[in-house]
N, C-alpha and C. Protein backbone atom coordinates (compact mmCIF):
# COMPACT_ATOMS: atom_id res chain seq x y z
N MET A 1 1.03 -0.99 0.27
CA MET A 1 -0.12 -0.29 0.03
C MET A 1 0.77 1.13 0.11
N PRO A 2 0.56 2.18 -0.94
CA PRO A 2 1.45 3.50 -0.66
C PRO A 2 1.23 4.32 0.64
N LYS A 3 1.90 5.20 0.85
CA LYS A 3 1.81 6.06 2.06
C LYS A 3 0.50 6.99 1.78
N ILE A 4 -0.03 7.57 2.76
CA ILE A 4 -1.41 8.37 2.67
C ILE A 4 -0.64 9.87 2.84
N LYS A 5 -0.78 10.72 1.88
CA LYS A 5 -0.06 12.00 2.14
C LYS A 5 -1.22 13.12 2.76
N SER A 6 -0.51 13.95 3.29
CA SER A 6 -1.44 14.54 3.95
C SER A 6 -1.84 15.83 2.75
N HIS A 7 -2.61 16.52 3.03
CA HIS A 7 -3.35 17.67 2.15
C HIS A 7 -2.36 18.88 2.30
N ARG A 8 -1.63 19.17 1.60
CA ARG A 8 -0.52 20.33 1.42
C ARG A 8 -0.98 21.40 1.77
N ALA A 9 -2.03 21.98 1.13
CA ALA A 9 -2.55 23.15 1.11
C ALA A 9 -3.13 23.53 2.49
N ALA A 10 -3.93 22.46 3.14
CA ALA A 10 -4.54 22.60 4.69
C ALA A 10 -3.44 22.72 5.65
N ARG A 11 -2.36 21.63 5.34
CA ARG A 11 -1.21 21.86 6.20
C ARG A 11 -0.42 23.10 6.45
N LYS A 12 -0.36 23.70 5.38
CA LYS A 12 0.28 25.10 5.41
C LYS A 12 -0.70 26.36 6.07
N ARG A 13 -2.25 26.03 5.99
CA ARG A 13 -3.23 26.88 6.48
C ARG A 13 -3.34 26.79 7.95
N MET A 14 -2.95 25.56 8.51
CA MET A 14 -3.69 25.16 9.55
C MET A 14 -2.89 24.50 10.58
N ARG A 15 -2.72 24.73 11.69
CA ARG A 15 -1.89 23.72 12.82
C ARG A 15 -2.81 23.08 13.77
N LEU A 16 -2.41 22.16 14.49
CA LEU A 16 -2.75 21.44 15.68
C LEU A 16 -2.16 21.92 16.76
N THR A 17 -3.11 22.22 17.77
CA THR A 17 -2.28 22.57 19.13
C THR A 17 -2.35 21.35 20.10
N SER A 18 -1.46 21.33 20.88
CA SER A 18 -1.34 20.44 21.79
C SER A 18 -2.31 19.49 22.41
N SER A 19 -3.65 20.22 22.55
CA SER A 19 -4.50 19.62 22.98
C SER A 19 -5.51 18.87 22.01
N GLY A 20 -5.48 19.13 20.63
CA GLY A 20 -6.04 18.93 19.51
C GLY A 20 -6.81 19.36 18.97
N LYS A 21 -6.88 20.78 19.13
CA LYS A 21 -7.68 21.63 18.24
C LYS A 21 -6.72 22.04 17.29
N VAL A 22 -7.82 22.79 16.27
CA VAL A 22 -7.16 22.97 15.03
C VAL A 22 -7.23 24.61 14.82
N LYS A 23 -5.70 25.02 14.70
CA LYS A 23 -5.64 26.86 14.88
C LYS A 23 -5.44 27.10 13.65
N ILE A 24 -6.33 28.37 13.22
CA ILE A 24 -6.33 28.64 11.83
C ILE A 24 -6.00 30.28 12.02
N GLY A 25 -5.45 31.07 10.73
CA GLY A 25 -5.09 32.34 10.87
C GLY A 25 -6.33 33.03 10.12
N SER A 26 -6.17 34.39 10.04
CA SER A 26 -7.40 35.22 9.96
C SER A 26 -7.21 35.70 8.26
N ALA A 27 -8.27 35.67 7.69
CA ALA A 27 -8.29 36.18 6.35
C ALA A 27 -8.32 37.48 5.93
N PHE A 28 -8.26 37.91 5.05
CA PHE A 28 -8.09 39.41 4.46
C PHE A 28 -7.30 39.93 5.06
N THR A 29 -5.76 39.52 5.28
CA THR A 29 -4.74 40.43 6.04
C THR A 29 -3.66 40.67 4.95
N SER A 30 -3.98 40.28 3.17
CA SER A 30 -2.71 40.39 2.76
C SER A 30 -2.71 41.62 2.09
N HIS A 31 -3.50 42.19 1.55
CA HIS A 31 -3.48 43.28 0.45
C HIS A 31 -4.56 44.52 0.84
N LEU A 32 -4.76 45.49 0.18
CA LEU A 32 -5.63 46.66 0.59
C LEU A 32 -5.92 46.87 1.81
N LEU A 33 -5.18 47.25 2.80
CA LEU A 33 -5.09 47.35 3.98
C LEU A 33 -5.24 48.72 4.49
N THR A 34 -5.06 49.59 3.65
CA THR A 34 -5.45 50.91 3.72
C THR A 34 -6.74 51.49 3.81
N ASN A 35 -7.60 50.53 3.29
CA ASN A 35 -9.08 50.72 3.09
C ASN A 35 -9.79 50.28 4.68
N ARG A 36 -8.91 49.40 5.43
CA ARG A 36 -9.87 49.05 6.47
C ARG A 36 -9.06 49.50 7.97
N SER A 37 -9.89 49.94 8.83
CA SER A 37 -9.96 50.55 10.05
C SER A 37 -8.68 50.07 10.81
N ALA A 38 -7.92 50.68 11.92
CA ALA A 38 -6.81 50.07 12.69
C ALA A 38 -7.34 49.05 13.39
N LYS A 39 -8.76 49.28 13.89
CA LYS A 39 -9.48 48.22 14.80
C LYS A 39 -9.58 47.21 14.41
N ARG A 40 -10.15 46.90 13.04
CA ARG A 40 -10.41 45.84 12.23
C ARG A 40 -9.17 45.17 11.93
N LYS A 41 -7.93 45.94 11.66
CA LYS A 41 -6.66 45.18 11.29
C LYS A 41 -6.09 44.48 12.39
N ARG A 42 -6.25 45.53 13.52
CA ARG A 42 -5.71 44.70 14.79
C ARG A 42 -6.51 43.69 15.33
N LYS A 43 -7.73 43.28 15.00
CA LYS A 43 -8.38 42.16 15.41
C LYS A 43 -8.23 40.82 14.52
N LEU A 44 -7.65 41.57 13.50
CA LEU A 44 -7.35 40.57 12.19
C LEU A 44 -6.12 39.75 12.23
N ARG A 45 -5.22 40.55 13.52
CA ARG A 45 -4.01 39.83 13.56
C ARG A 45 -3.90 38.59 14.46
N ARG A 46 -5.19 38.56 15.32
CA ARG A 46 -5.21 37.13 16.21
C ARG A 46 -5.94 36.10 15.22
N GLY A 47 -5.64 35.01 15.75
CA GLY A 47 -5.87 33.68 14.78
C GLY A 47 -7.39 33.52 15.46
N GLY A 48 -7.57 32.09 15.03
CA GLY A 48 -8.93 31.51 15.63
C GLY A 48 -8.79 30.33 15.63
N ILE A 49 -9.70 29.60 16.23
CA ILE A 49 -9.66 28.02 16.48
C ILE A 49 -10.95 27.80 15.70
N LEU A 50 -10.81 26.51 15.00
CA LEU A 50 -11.71 25.94 14.08
C LEU A 50 -13.12 25.46 15.05
N SER A 51 -13.94 25.33 14.42
CA SER A 51 -15.22 24.57 15.47
C SER A 51 -14.99 23.19 15.49
N ALA A 52 -15.44 22.75 16.32
CA ALA A 52 -15.45 21.17 16.33
C ALA A 52 -15.92 20.50 15.48
N VAL A 53 -16.80 20.72 14.73
CA VAL A 53 -17.63 20.13 13.71
C VAL A 53 -16.37 20.22 12.34
N ASP A 54 -16.06 21.27 12.24
CA ASP A 54 -15.08 21.30 11.01
C ASP A 54 -13.66 20.85 11.08
N SER A 55 -13.20 21.08 12.51
CA SER A 55 -12.11 20.41 12.76
C SER A 55 -11.58 18.93 12.53
N VAL A 56 -13.06 18.37 12.50
CA VAL A 56 -13.01 16.68 12.45
C VAL A 56 -12.31 16.59 11.18
N LYS A 57 -12.89 17.02 9.77
CA LYS A 57 -12.58 17.10 8.47
C LYS A 57 -11.11 17.52 8.24
N ALA A 58 -10.93 18.50 9.24
CA ALA A 58 -9.35 19.10 8.98
C ALA A 58 -8.36 18.64 9.57
N ARG A 59 -8.78 17.87 10.54
CA ARG A 59 -7.55 16.88 11.60
C ARG A 59 -7.08 15.74 10.45
N GLN A 60 -8.15 15.42 9.62
CA GLN A 60 -8.01 14.15 8.53
C GLN A 60 -7.37 14.54 7.63
N LEU A 61 -7.64 15.75 6.91
CA LEU A 61 -6.66 16.53 6.04
C LEU A 61 -5.19 16.65 6.62
N ILE A 62 -4.80 17.19 7.90
CA ILE A 62 -3.81 17.34 8.16
C ILE A 62 -2.74 16.41 8.22
N LYS A 63 -3.48 15.37 9.08
CA LYS A 63 -2.64 14.23 9.12
C LYS A 63 -2.57 13.07 8.24
N GLY A 64 -3.35 13.55 7.01
CA GLY A 64 -3.40 12.45 5.82
C GLY A 64 -3.86 10.91 6.34
N SER A 65 -5.00 11.08 6.88
CA SER A 65 -5.51 9.68 7.24
C SER A 65 -6.98 9.39 7.20
């Protein structure tokens, strides 16, 4: 049987915490930032935790199983 590969795009965008939750970064932070308020940009710096329902699928993509 061949090895099961992880989904490389998902692997680059998400990380697993030590407790098993899936950590993600915020979207809308790459360009056109002059149009956004300082408050909004400050809030976008913080990442987030994926919901429990979505993290099941994300964990499969990251681990490749």
